[in-house]
C-alpha cells in the first residue's frame, strides 16, 4: 500500500533531505505525488512542514556553532 502525499510530505520533512517547503514540494512532484500544491496549501500544514524541515536540516555542527 502506498503512502498518501501528506504522509510522504511529513516523512520527507523529518528526513532532513529537504531544506524548506519549496524544496519539499519540488521533491514530492518529482516523485510523482499528485495535488501537492493543493494538499500543502492550508497555512497550518505548510507552516508545520516548514518548521519540521528547518529543524531536521540543522546539522550537529550548525547547532554547536549557534551555542
Protein backbone atom coordinates (compact mmCIF):
# COMPACT_ATOMS: atom_id res chain seq x y z
CA UNK A 1 0.00 0.00 0.00
CA UNK A 2 1.43 3.37 -0.98
CA UNK A 3 1.61 6.40 1.25
CA UNK A 4 -0.52 9.46 0.68
CA UNK A 5 1.02 12.73 -0.44
CA UNK A 6 0.59 14.16 3.07
CA UNK A 7 2.23 11.13 4.69
CA UNK A 8 5.14 11.33 2.26
CA UNK A 9 5.48 15.09 2.87
CA UNK A 10 5.87 14.58 6.61
CA UNK A 11 8.28 11.69 6.05
CA UNK A 12 10.49 13.81 3.79
CA UNK A 13 10.31 16.81 6.12
CA UNK A 14 11.53 14.70 9.05
CA UNK A 15 14.29 13.10 6.97
CA UNK A 16 16.37 16.28 6.73
CA UNK A 17 16.70 15.78 2.97
CA UNK A 18 14.78 18.96 2.10
CA UNK A 19 15.56 22.40 3.48
CA UNK A 20 12.20 24.10 3.15
CA UNK A 21 8.65 23.85 1.85
CA UNK A 22 9.61 24.84 -1.70
CA UNK A 23 12.17 22.04 -1.90
CA UNK A 24 9.71 19.64 -0.30
CA UNK A 25 7.03 20.39 -2.88
CA UNK A 26 9.52 20.01 -5.73
CA UNK A 27 10.67 16.65 -4.38
CA UNK A 28 7.10 15.39 -3.99
CA UNK A 29 6.26 16.42 -7.55
CA UNK A 30 9.42 14.75 -8.85
CA UNK A 31 8.35 11.56 -7.08
CA UNK A 32 5.02 11.70 -8.89
CA UNK A 33 2.81 12.75 -5.99
CA UNK A 34 -0.41 14.39 -7.11
CA UNK A 35 -2.16 17.56 -5.93
CA UNK A 36 0.92 18.64 -3.97
CA UNK A 37 0.15 22.38 -4.03
CA UNK A 38 -3.49 21.92 -3.08
CA UNK A 39 -2.79 19.46 -0.27
CA UNK A 40 0.00 21.52 1.26
CA UNK A 41 -1.73 24.89 0.80
CA UNK A 42 -3.50 25.15 4.19
CA UNK A 43 -1.48 27.52 6.33
CA UNK A 44 -1.32 25.21 9.34
CA UNK A 45 0.05 22.30 7.29
CA UNK A 46 2.50 24.49 5.36
CA UNK A 47 3.90 26.20 8.46
CA UNK A 48 4.20 22.91 10.34
CA UNK A 49 6.07 21.25 7.47
CA UNK A 50 8.33 24.30 7.11
CA UNK A 51 9.21 24.11 10.81
CA UNK A 52 9.93 20.38 10.59
CA UNK A 53 12.17 20.89 7.55
CA UNK A 54 14.11 23.63 9.30
CA UNK A 55 14.60 21.59 12.46
CA UNK A 56 15.53 18.41 10.63
CA UNK A 57 18.10 20.14 8.39
CA UNK A 58 20.11 21.51 11.28
CA UNK A 59 23.35 19.60 11.47
CA UNK A 60 25.12 18.96 14.77
CA UNK A 61 27.90 21.33 13.60
CA UNK A 62 25.43 24.15 12.90
CA UNK A 63 23.77 23.64 16.28
CA UNK A 64 27.17 23.73 18.04
CA UNK A 65 28.08 26.96 16.24
CA UNK A 66 24.83 28.58 17.39
CA UNK A 67 25.67 27.94 21.06
